[in-house]
Amino acid sequence: MIGRRRSARPELLPRETGGERWLVVVIAVLCFLASIAAVGAMAADRAAHGWAGRLRAEVTVQVRPRVDETGPAAAARAAEVLAGVKGVSEAEALDRKAAETLLRPWVGEAVLPDLPLPYLVTARLDAEAPAGAPTMSRALAEAGLDATVDDHSLWRGEVERSAGFITALAGAAFLLIAAATGAAIAYATRAGMAAQAAVIETLELNGASDGAIAALFQQRFGLLAATAGAAGAGLAALMLAALRLIGGEGGLTPALPLAWVDLLVLIACPLLAGAVAVLAARLTALAKLGQRS
C-alpha cells in the first residue's frame, strides 16, 4: 500500500511532456551560462590577484647617470645599493639587451637600435617584510644616485579594481540568470495551473488546502529545474575540463587560468536551480489560488 500511495501522488498532475521538455532546455541553457560565468569569474579573479602579487613583489628603478658616470655603471651601483636595503631580497641591473626585449612588443624591431633606452634596475622584495618605495628612494639618494622608484602601485590598483569589477559583473549575471529562471518557472506554473484547472478544483472539493496544492507544483518544477540544472552544469563541466586539458594550467589563455577545483562550484548549480524553482512555483501557485478564492 505504501508503494501504491507513493506512485499515485505524481499522477494528481498529469505531465505535459511538450511544454516541460522545452522548459528543461531553457533552464539547462541558463544553468550552463551561469556555470560558465561563475568559473570565468573565479579564473579572472585568480589571474588578477596573481598579477597583483607579482607586481607587489617587484619594483623597477630608473637610474639617470651623472655627467661623470656611464649609464651601466650607475645602474650597477644602484643595484648594489638596493641589494643592501632591508626588505630587498635581490636587485639586478638590466643591460640593453634585456631592455630591448621588454620594449620589442611595443615599439617593434626597426627602431630599437637608435632608441635611447633608460637604465633600469629590478628589485625583488622580501615576501614577509618588503621594503617600501620611500626607503629605497632614500637609500639611493644617500648613495648620490638620481633614480626614480616605481613600486607598480598604480598598475596594481588598476588590476585589483578590474578584478573587483569582473566579480561584480559575474554576480550581476548570476542574479539575472536566477531571475530569468524564476520567471520561466512562474510562467510554466501559471500555464500548468490553467491546464490542470479541473484537477485543482477536484482537489479543493476534497478538502485540499492551497498549501498542499502548491506543494504539488513546487515539487514537480523543483525536480524538473534540478534535473535541468544538473544537465547544464554537466555540459559546462565537460567543456571546461576539455579547455583545461587542451591548455594546461593556463586554460586556453593565461588571462583565464583554469583549475580543476573550479569545477566543484558547479555542484551548487542544480541545487540553486531547484531552490529558485521551488520558491517561484510556490509563490506563483499560492498567488493564483488566492485569486480563485
Protein backbone atom coordinates (compact mmCIF):
# COMPACT_ATOMS: atom_id res chain seq x y z
CA MET A 1 0.00 0.00 0.00
CA ILE A 2 2.85 2.33 0.72
CA GLY A 3 4.19 1.74 -2.77
CA ARG A 4 0.79 2.43 -4.35
CA ARG A 5 0.34 5.62 -2.35
CA ARG A 6 3.75 6.98 -3.41
CA SER A 7 3.26 6.16 -7.07
CA ALA A 8 -0.26 7.61 -7.13
CA ARG A 9 0.76 11.06 -5.87
CA PRO A 10 2.51 12.32 -9.04
CA GLU A 11 -0.48 11.29 -11.15
CA LEU A 12 -2.57 14.01 -9.50
CA LEU A 13 -0.97 16.39 -12.02
CA PRO A 14 -0.71 14.74 -15.45
CA ARG A 15 2.52 15.69 -17.19
CA GLU A 16 2.58 17.98 -20.21
CA THR A 17 5.61 16.47 -21.90
CA GLY A 18 5.86 19.03 -24.72
CA GLY A 19 5.87 22.18 -22.60
CA GLU A 20 8.01 20.66 -19.86
CA ARG A 21 10.58 19.45 -22.38
CA TRP A 22 11.17 22.98 -23.62
CA LEU A 23 11.30 24.27 -20.04
CA VAL A 24 14.05 21.75 -19.29
CA VAL A 25 16.01 23.00 -22.31
CA VAL A 26 15.62 26.65 -21.26
CA ILE A 27 16.72 26.02 -17.67
CA ALA A 28 19.63 23.82 -18.79
CA VAL A 29 20.89 26.59 -21.08
CA LEU A 30 20.55 29.18 -18.31
CA CYS A 31 22.44 26.95 -15.86
CA PHE A 32 25.13 26.34 -18.47
CA LEU A 33 25.62 30.10 -18.86
CA ALA A 34 25.60 30.60 -15.09
CA SER A 35 28.24 27.89 -14.68
CA ILE A 36 30.50 29.41 -17.32
CA ALA A 37 30.10 32.86 -15.74
CA ALA A 38 30.93 31.55 -12.26
CA VAL A 39 34.05 29.65 -13.34
CA GLY A 40 35.14 32.52 -15.58
CA ALA A 41 34.85 34.95 -12.67
CA MET A 42 36.92 32.66 -10.45
CA ALA A 43 39.59 32.31 -13.12
CA ALA A 44 39.70 36.06 -13.77
CA ASP A 45 39.94 36.79 -10.06
CA ARG A 46 42.78 34.29 -9.71
CA ALA A 47 44.64 35.80 -12.66
CA ALA A 48 44.18 39.36 -11.39
CA HIS A 49 45.40 38.54 -7.90
CA GLY A 50 48.34 36.62 -9.38
CA TRP A 51 49.34 39.63 -11.46
CA ALA A 52 48.88 41.95 -8.49
CA GLY A 53 51.01 39.65 -6.36
CA ARG A 54 53.82 39.66 -8.91
CA LEU A 55 53.64 43.45 -9.21
CA ARG A 56 53.74 43.74 -5.43
CA ALA A 57 56.81 41.51 -5.23
CA GLU A 58 58.98 43.65 -7.52
CA VAL A 59 59.93 47.27 -8.09
CA THR A 60 61.53 48.92 -11.09
CA VAL A 61 64.10 51.68 -10.68
CA GLN A 62 65.06 54.11 -13.45
CA VAL A 63 68.56 55.48 -12.97
CA ARG A 64 69.82 58.75 -14.51
CA PRO A 65 73.64 58.74 -14.59
CA ARG A 66 75.69 61.72 -13.54
CA VAL A 67 77.84 63.61 -16.01
CA ASP A 68 80.99 61.79 -14.92
CA GLU A 69 79.38 58.32 -14.83
CA THR A 70 78.18 55.94 -17.52
CA GLY A 71 74.65 54.58 -17.51
CA PRO A 72 75.60 50.91 -16.98
CA ALA A 73 77.91 51.89 -14.11
CA ALA A 74 75.18 53.94 -12.42
CA ALA A 75 72.68 51.09 -12.82
CA ALA A 76 75.15 48.58 -11.37
CA ARG A 77 75.83 50.87 -8.40
CA ALA A 78 72.07 51.31 -7.85
CA ALA A 79 71.59 47.53 -7.85
CA GLU A 80 74.35 47.18 -5.28
CA VAL A 81 72.77 49.83 -3.05
CA LEU A 82 69.30 48.26 -3.29
CA ALA A 83 70.65 44.79 -2.54
CA GLY A 84 71.78 46.12 0.83
CA VAL A 85 68.40 47.61 1.76
CA LYS A 86 66.45 45.63 4.36
CA GLY A 87 63.39 44.07 2.73
CA VAL A 88 65.04 43.66 -0.69
CA SER A 89 65.97 40.07 -1.47
CA GLU A 90 67.66 40.67 -4.83
CA ALA A 91 68.48 43.53 -7.18
CA GLU A 92 69.74 43.34 -10.74
CA ALA A 93 70.70 45.95 -13.35
CA LEU A 94 69.16 45.32 -16.76
CA ASP A 95 71.52 45.50 -19.71
CA ARG A 96 70.46 46.98 -23.05
CA LYS A 97 69.56 43.58 -24.49
CA ALA A 98 67.13 42.89 -21.64
CA ALA A 99 65.59 46.37 -22.01
CA GLU A 100 65.17 45.84 -25.75
CA THR A 101 63.41 42.54 -25.06
CA LEU A 102 60.91 44.35 -22.85
CA LEU A 103 60.25 47.08 -25.40
CA ARG A 104 60.22 44.99 -28.58
CA PRO A 105 56.49 44.03 -28.39
CA TRP A 106 55.58 47.72 -28.06
CA VAL A 107 57.87 49.58 -30.46
CA GLY A 108 58.95 46.90 -32.93
CA GLU A 109 62.36 45.74 -34.09
CA ALA A 110 63.27 48.52 -36.52
CA VAL A 111 63.58 51.48 -34.15
CA LEU A 112 65.28 49.72 -31.23
CA PRO A 113 68.93 50.23 -32.30
CA ASP A 114 68.52 54.01 -32.49
CA LEU A 115 66.24 54.35 -29.46
CA PRO A 116 67.77 55.87 -26.31
CA LEU A 117 66.77 53.43 -23.57
CA PRO A 118 66.57 54.17 -19.86
CA TYR A 119 68.90 52.45 -17.43
CA LEU A 120 66.77 50.15 -15.31
CA VAL A 121 67.20 48.10 -12.16
CA THR A 122 64.73 45.45 -10.99
CA ALA A 123 64.49 44.61 -7.31
CA ARG A 124 62.68 41.60 -5.82
CA LEU A 125 61.23 42.26 -2.41
CA ASP A 126 61.08 40.11 0.68
CA ALA A 127 57.66 38.44 0.73
CA GLU A 128 57.22 38.75 4.50
CA ALA A 129 58.69 42.23 5.13
CA PRO A 130 59.06 44.07 1.79
CA ALA A 131 60.91 47.34 1.64
CA GLY A 132 58.84 50.42 0.85
CA ALA A 133 59.45 52.76 -2.07
CA PRO A 134 60.37 55.70 0.23
CA THR A 135 63.02 53.56 1.97
CA MET A 136 64.61 52.55 -1.32
CA SER A 137 64.46 56.10 -2.69
CA ARG A 138 66.18 57.40 0.43
CA ALA A 139 68.94 54.79 0.19
CA LEU A 140 69.58 55.67 -3.46
CA ALA A 141 69.64 59.39 -2.72
CA GLU A 142 72.09 58.88 0.15
CA ALA A 143 74.36 57.00 -2.28
CA GLY A 144 74.33 60.02 -4.60
CA LEU A 145 72.15 58.39 -7.26
CA ASP A 146 69.48 60.18 -9.23
CA ALA A 147 66.79 57.50 -9.52
CA THR A 148 63.04 57.01 -9.54
CA VAL A 149 61.48 54.00 -7.78
CA ASP A 150 58.31 52.60 -9.30
CA ASP A 151 56.53 50.14 -6.98
CA HIS A 152 53.80 49.50 -9.60
CA SER A 153 51.13 50.67 -7.18
CA LEU A 154 49.23 52.42 -9.99
CA TRP A 155 49.10 49.30 -12.18
CA ARG A 156 48.40 47.08 -9.17
CA GLY A 157 45.44 49.23 -8.21
CA GLU A 158 44.07 49.03 -11.76
CA VAL A 159 44.39 45.24 -11.77
CA GLU A 160 42.69 44.88 -8.40
CA ARG A 161 39.87 47.20 -9.46
CA SER A 162 39.43 45.18 -12.64
CA ALA A 163 39.19 42.01 -10.58
CA GLY A 164 36.51 43.58 -8.40
CA PHE A 165 34.59 44.72 -11.48
CA ILE A 166 34.70 41.25 -13.02
CA THR A 167 33.46 39.69 -9.78
CA ALA A 168 30.61 42.20 -9.59
CA LEU A 169 29.76 41.58 -13.24
CA ALA A 170 29.64 37.83 -12.65
CA GLY A 171 27.40 38.36 -9.63
CA ALA A 172 25.04 40.53 -11.67
CA ALA A 173 24.97 37.89 -14.42
CA PHE A 174 24.11 35.23 -11.86
CA LEU A 175 21.26 37.32 -10.45
CA LEU A 176 19.88 37.96 -13.94
CA ILE A 177 20.03 34.26 -14.78
CA ALA A 178 18.33 33.39 -11.48
CA ALA A 179 15.62 35.94 -12.24
CA ALA A 180 15.15 34.50 -15.74
CA THR A 181 14.89 31.00 -14.29
CA GLY A 182 12.31 32.16 -11.75
CA ALA A 183 10.31 33.93 -14.47
CA ALA A 184 10.31 30.81 -16.66
CA ILE A 185 9.14 28.66 -13.75
CA ALA A 186 6.45 31.19 -12.81
CA TYR A 187 5.15 31.20 -16.38
CA ALA A 188 5.20 27.40 -16.51
CA THR A 189 3.38 27.20 -13.18
CA ARG A 190 0.62 29.54 -14.33
CA ALA A 191 0.28 27.58 -17.58
CA GLY A 192 0.21 24.30 -15.69
CA MET A 193 -2.44 25.53 -13.27
CA ALA A 194 -4.58 26.73 -16.17
CA ALA A 195 -4.26 23.32 -17.86
CA GLN A 196 -4.99 21.49 -14.61
CA ALA A 197 -7.90 23.68 -13.50
CA ALA A 198 -10.25 20.69 -13.30
CA VAL A 199 -7.80 18.71 -11.18
CA ILE A 200 -7.26 21.67 -8.85
CA GLU A 201 -10.98 22.14 -8.46
CA THR A 202 -11.41 18.46 -7.61
CA LEU A 203 -8.65 18.67 -5.02
CA GLU A 204 -10.27 21.72 -3.46
CA LEU A 205 -13.63 19.94 -3.30
CA ASN A 206 -11.93 17.10 -1.47
CA GLY A 207 -10.56 19.49 1.14
CA ALA A 208 -7.02 20.08 -0.12
CA SER A 209 -5.55 23.32 1.17
CA ASP A 210 -3.85 25.92 -1.01
CA GLY A 211 -0.51 24.95 0.50
CA ALA A 212 -1.00 21.28 -0.36
CA ILE A 213 -1.94 22.09 -3.96
CA ALA A 214 1.00 24.50 -4.30
CA ALA A 215 3.28 21.75 -2.96
CA LEU A 216 2.37 19.57 -5.96
CA PHE A 217 3.56 22.24 -8.39
CA GLN A 218 6.67 23.16 -6.41
CA GLN A 219 7.69 19.51 -6.18
CA ARG A 220 7.28 18.96 -9.92
CA PHE A 221 9.05 22.10 -11.06
CA GLY A 222 11.70 21.85 -8.36
CA LEU A 223 12.72 18.38 -9.55
CA LEU A 224 12.49 19.50 -13.16
CA ALA A 225 14.74 22.50 -12.57
CA ALA A 226 17.24 20.47 -10.55
CA THR A 227 17.46 17.91 -13.35
CA ALA A 228 17.89 20.62 -15.98
CA GLY A 229 20.47 22.36 -13.78
CA ALA A 230 22.46 19.15 -13.49
CA ALA A 231 22.40 18.78 -17.29
CA GLY A 232 23.54 22.37 -17.85
CA ALA A 233 26.26 22.18 -15.19
CA GLY A 234 27.42 18.81 -16.53
CA LEU A 235 27.77 20.20 -20.05
CA ALA A 236 29.68 23.20 -18.69
CA ALA A 237 31.95 20.88 -16.70
CA LEU A 238 32.73 18.82 -19.80
CA MET A 239 33.57 21.94 -21.83
CA LEU A 240 35.73 23.46 -19.09
CA ALA A 241 37.51 20.16 -18.49
CA ALA A 242 38.30 19.98 -22.20
CA LEU A 243 39.71 23.52 -22.11
CA ARG A 244 41.81 22.62 -19.07
CA LEU A 245 43.19 19.51 -20.79
CA ILE A 246 43.93 21.36 -24.03
CA GLY A 247 45.51 24.45 -22.48
CA GLY A 248 47.07 23.01 -19.32
CA GLU A 249 47.22 25.18 -16.20
CA GLY A 250 46.59 28.31 -18.24
CA GLY A 251 43.44 27.02 -19.92
CA LEU A 252 43.32 28.46 -23.42
CA THR A 253 44.86 31.75 -22.27
CA PRO A 254 46.95 32.85 -19.24
CA ALA A 255 44.38 35.61 -18.71
CA LEU A 256 41.87 32.98 -17.52
CA PRO A 257 43.82 30.20 -15.77
CA LEU A 258 41.51 27.26 -15.04
CA ALA A 259 41.97 24.93 -12.08
CA TRP A 260 40.32 21.56 -11.54
CA VAL A 261 39.00 22.77 -8.20
CA ASP A 262 36.94 25.40 -10.06
CA LEU A 263 34.64 22.65 -11.30
CA LEU A 264 33.49 21.95 -7.74
CA VAL A 265 31.47 25.17 -7.79
CA LEU A 266 29.24 23.61 -10.46
CA ILE A 267 27.86 21.18 -7.87
CA ALA A 268 25.79 24.03 -6.46
CA CYS A 269 24.08 24.77 -9.80
CA PRO A 270 21.36 22.04 -9.66
CA LEU A 271 20.68 22.85 -6.02
CA LEU A 272 20.30 26.57 -6.70
CA ALA A 273 18.15 25.94 -9.79
CA GLY A 274 15.88 23.65 -7.79
CA ALA A 275 15.64 26.13 -4.91
CA VAL A 276 14.75 29.01 -7.24
CA ALA A 277 12.15 26.83 -8.99
CA VAL A 278 10.57 25.69 -5.74
CA LEU A 279 10.27 29.26 -4.47
CA ALA A 280 8.93 30.61 -7.78
CA ALA A 281 6.45 27.77 -8.23
CA ARG A 282 5.14 28.03 -4.67
CA LEU A 283 4.71 31.81 -4.70
CA THR A 284 3.05 31.72 -8.13
CA ALA A 285 0.73 28.85 -7.20
CA LEU A 286 -0.33 30.46 -3.92
CA ALA A 287 -0.96 33.79 -5.66
CA LYS A 288 -3.03 32.09 -8.36
CA LEU A 289 -5.01 30.04 -5.84
CA GLY A 290 -5.64 33.18 -3.81
CA GLN A 291 -7.27 34.76 -6.85
CA ARG A 292 -9.66 31.82 -7.10
CA SER A 293 -10.88 32.23 -3.53
